[in-house]
Amino acid sequence: MSSDVLDETVELVLGVARLGEADLAGWWGSHGLDRVGQYVLSRTFRRSWETVALELDVLSATHRHRESLGRQTALHLFCDELPFRRWASTWLAEQKTSAEPLRLHDELKGWDIDRARKWLTRGVARQPEPEVVGDGLYLGELGLSELEDEAVLLSTARLLTACYVYMGTPFRVPYFNLRGQAR
């Protein structure tokens, strides 16, 4: 996988995880990078609190997605079948040993809802038009062979991310179906 694709997908996953925090969209109610999170986490994890905050956001988002859809054939930004969450978790683990402050942490900490939406849709040409199915936003099907294609993975990550940005209420998980499986 090219480093550009890895970098962008990691930023998208972490951006959506941050967007779901209580001070922004409030989908998972976590307080990673907001003022509450900073107050609590910076006292325990003095050097790495921002990274720990994002790890907690990813865990909260993953739990909310699994709870909402409840099946493994739904391919969403935080599922095990797509590599995005694993890439973000690996990247975060590596950042704990970094001595330098990260521009991504500063970007995500400084978000309000408008800035988050602009940043997360910077690579999206048009608003997605998913079909509402139960507690999800169905975007189509992907086959296992497609999940090996770098361009497909990047466009999938961008489209899933755009759904969060344009989603109204209530919260619905944007997802693709694994080809040949039920919606």
Protein backbone atom coordinates (compact mmCIF):
# COMPACT_ATOMS: atom_id res chain seq x y z
CA MET A 1 0.00 0.00 0.00
CA SER A 2 1.35 3.43 -0.87
CA SER A 3 2.13 5.79 1.99
CA ASP A 4 -0.24 8.42 0.53
CA VAL A 5 -3.19 6.00 0.71
CA LEU A 6 -2.22 4.89 4.21
CA ASP A 7 -1.82 8.46 5.43
CA GLU A 8 -5.12 9.64 4.00
CA THR A 9 -7.16 6.69 5.24
CA VAL A 10 -5.66 6.97 8.72
CA GLU A 11 -6.55 10.67 8.79
CA LEU A 12 -10.11 9.88 7.66
CA VAL A 13 -10.65 7.21 10.31
CA LEU A 14 -9.25 9.41 13.06
CA GLY A 15 -11.24 12.37 11.76
CA VAL A 16 -14.51 10.44 11.89
CA ALA A 17 -13.60 9.11 15.33
CA ARG A 18 -13.04 12.71 16.47
CA LEU A 19 -16.23 13.93 14.76
CA GLY A 20 -18.24 11.48 16.87
CA GLU A 21 -17.02 12.98 20.15
CA ALA A 22 -19.49 14.64 22.52
CA ASP A 23 -18.42 18.21 21.66
CA LEU A 24 -19.02 17.72 17.93
CA ALA A 25 -21.61 15.24 16.55
CA GLY A 26 -21.90 13.30 19.82
CA TRP A 27 -22.47 9.90 18.22
CA TRP A 28 -20.38 7.94 20.71
CA GLY A 29 -20.30 10.46 23.53
CA SER A 30 -16.56 10.15 24.11
CA HIS A 31 -14.42 13.05 25.29
CA GLY A 32 -11.03 12.28 23.75
CA LEU A 33 -9.69 15.55 22.41
CA ASP A 34 -12.27 17.92 23.84
CA ARG A 35 -11.67 19.94 27.01
CA VAL A 36 -12.94 17.18 29.30
CA GLY A 37 -10.68 14.60 27.65
CA GLN A 38 -7.71 16.92 27.79
CA TYR A 39 -8.27 17.60 31.48
CA VAL A 40 -8.56 13.93 32.44
CA LEU A 41 -6.10 12.31 30.05
CA SER A 42 -3.29 14.89 30.20
CA ARG A 43 -2.87 14.22 33.90
CA THR A 44 -2.45 10.48 33.46
CA PHE A 45 -0.70 10.39 30.07
CA ARG A 46 1.36 13.58 30.17
CA ARG A 47 3.30 13.00 26.95
CA SER A 48 0.88 10.94 24.91
CA TRP A 49 -2.60 12.03 26.00
CA GLU A 50 -3.68 13.11 22.49
CA THR A 51 -2.77 9.73 21.03
CA VAL A 52 -4.54 7.93 23.88
CA ALA A 53 -7.58 10.17 23.31
CA LEU A 54 -7.74 9.16 19.65
CA GLU A 55 -7.33 5.49 20.57
CA LEU A 56 -10.32 5.81 22.90
CA ASP A 57 -12.31 7.55 20.17
CA VAL A 58 -11.57 4.72 17.73
CA LEU A 59 -12.62 2.14 20.34
CA SER A 60 -15.84 4.04 21.04
CA ALA A 61 -16.63 4.35 17.34
CA THR A 62 -15.91 0.67 16.74
CA HIS A 63 -18.23 -0.34 19.58
CA ARG A 64 -21.03 1.95 18.35
CA HIS A 65 -20.76 0.57 14.80
CA ARG A 66 -20.82 -3.06 15.91
CA GLU A 67 -23.75 -2.37 18.21
CA SER A 68 -25.69 -0.60 15.44
CA LEU A 69 -25.23 -3.13 12.64
CA GLY A 70 -24.47 -6.34 14.50
CA ARG A 71 -23.13 -8.34 11.57
CA GLN A 72 -19.72 -8.92 10.02
CA THR A 73 -20.85 -8.74 6.39
CA ALA A 74 -21.39 -4.98 6.72
CA LEU A 75 -18.20 -3.24 5.64
CA HIS A 76 -17.87 0.06 7.50
CA LEU A 77 -15.01 2.36 8.40
CA PHE A 78 -14.34 0.61 11.73
CA CYS A 79 -14.94 -3.04 10.77
CA ASP A 80 -12.38 -5.85 10.91
CA GLU A 81 -12.85 -6.82 7.27
CA LEU A 82 -11.51 -3.50 5.95
CA PRO A 83 -7.98 -2.42 6.89
CA PHE A 84 -8.76 1.18 7.88
CA ARG A 85 -9.20 0.82 11.63
CA ARG A 86 -6.15 -1.47 11.89
CA TRP A 87 -4.03 1.05 9.99
CA ALA A 88 -5.19 3.87 12.28
CA SER A 89 -4.56 1.81 15.42
CA THR A 90 -1.08 0.88 14.23
CA TRP A 91 -0.29 4.49 13.37
CA LEU A 92 -1.48 5.63 16.81
CA ALA A 93 0.65 3.01 18.55
CA GLU A 94 3.70 4.27 16.65
CA GLN A 95 2.98 7.87 17.66
CA LYS A 96 3.35 7.10 21.34
CA THR A 97 7.10 6.94 20.87
CA SER A 98 7.30 10.14 18.83
CA ALA A 99 9.02 13.02 20.59
CA GLU A 100 7.57 15.66 18.28
CA PRO A 101 4.07 17.13 18.44
CA LEU A 102 1.90 16.02 15.52
CA ARG A 103 0.09 18.42 13.24
CA LEU A 104 -2.83 15.96 13.01
CA HIS A 105 -3.39 16.17 16.77
CA ASP A 106 -3.41 19.96 16.59
CA GLU A 107 -5.80 19.91 13.62
CA LEU A 108 -8.29 17.56 15.31
CA LYS A 109 -8.14 19.38 18.67
CA GLY A 110 -9.01 22.66 16.96
CA TRP A 111 -12.18 21.42 15.30
CA ASP A 112 -15.63 22.82 15.45
CA ILE A 113 -18.33 21.08 13.43
CA ASP A 114 -17.88 23.25 10.31
CA ARG A 115 -14.11 22.88 10.23
CA ALA A 116 -14.48 19.09 10.72
CA ARG A 117 -16.90 18.81 7.80
CA LYS A 118 -14.67 20.81 5.45
CA TRP A 119 -11.57 18.85 6.39
CA LEU A 120 -13.23 15.45 6.09
CA THR A 121 -14.73 16.14 2.65
CA ARG A 122 -11.65 17.64 1.02
CA GLY A 123 -11.24 14.61 -1.29
CA VAL A 124 -14.92 14.06 -2.07
CA ALA A 125 -16.37 15.27 -5.37
CA ARG A 126 -20.07 14.88 -4.53
CA GLN A 127 -22.42 14.14 -1.68
CA PRO A 128 -23.13 10.41 -1.41
CA GLU A 129 -26.69 9.11 -1.84
CA PRO A 130 -26.98 6.02 0.35
CA GLU A 131 -30.14 4.00 0.88
CA VAL A 132 -31.45 3.94 4.44
CA VAL A 133 -31.68 0.30 5.54
CA GLY A 134 -32.55 -0.21 9.22
CA ASP A 135 -29.86 1.50 11.31
CA GLY A 136 -27.51 1.84 8.37
CA LEU A 137 -26.79 3.78 5.21
CA TYR A 138 -26.30 1.23 2.44
CA LEU A 139 -23.82 2.28 -0.26
CA GLY A 140 -23.59 -0.86 -2.42
CA GLU A 141 -21.53 -4.01 -2.57
CA LEU A 142 -17.84 -4.78 -2.55
CA GLY A 143 -16.22 -8.11 -3.36
CA LEU A 144 -13.21 -9.56 -1.58
CA SER A 145 -11.01 -9.09 -4.66
CA GLU A 146 -11.87 -5.38 -4.76
CA LEU A 147 -10.61 -4.97 -1.22
CA GLU A 148 -7.09 -5.65 -2.47
CA ASP A 149 -7.15 -2.69 -4.89
CA GLU A 150 -5.56 0.47 -3.49
CA ALA A 151 -7.76 2.82 -5.53
CA VAL A 152 -10.94 1.02 -4.44
CA LEU A 153 -9.89 1.16 -0.79
CA LEU A 154 -9.19 4.89 -0.96
CA SER A 155 -12.47 5.70 -2.73
CA THR A 156 -14.32 3.47 -0.26
CA ALA A 157 -12.78 5.28 2.72
CA ARG A 158 -13.61 8.68 1.19
CA LEU A 159 -17.21 7.73 0.43
CA LEU A 160 -17.81 6.23 3.88
CA THR A 161 -16.32 9.35 5.49
CA ALA A 162 -18.48 11.68 3.40
CA CYS A 163 -21.59 9.88 4.64
CA TYR A 164 -20.76 10.86 8.22
CA VAL A 165 -20.32 14.47 7.21
CA TYR A 166 -23.61 14.71 5.35
CA MET A 167 -25.57 12.47 7.73
CA GLY A 168 -28.46 14.07 9.51
CA THR A 169 -30.05 12.58 12.56
CA PRO A 170 -30.41 9.92 13.76
CA PHE A 171 -26.97 8.36 13.58
CA ARG A 172 -26.83 5.60 10.95
CA VAL A 173 -23.75 3.58 10.09
CA PRO A 174 -22.65 3.99 6.45
CA TYR A 175 -21.67 0.63 5.01
CA PHE A 176 -21.10 -1.54 1.99
CA ASN A 177 -22.25 -5.12 1.84
CA LEU A 178 -19.79 -7.88 1.26
CA ARG A 179 -20.82 -9.09 -2.20
CA GLY A 180 -23.22 -12.03 -2.03
CA GLN A 181 -24.37 -11.33 1.54
CA ALA A 182 -27.76 -10.02 2.73
CA ARG A 183 -28.28 -6.34 3.45
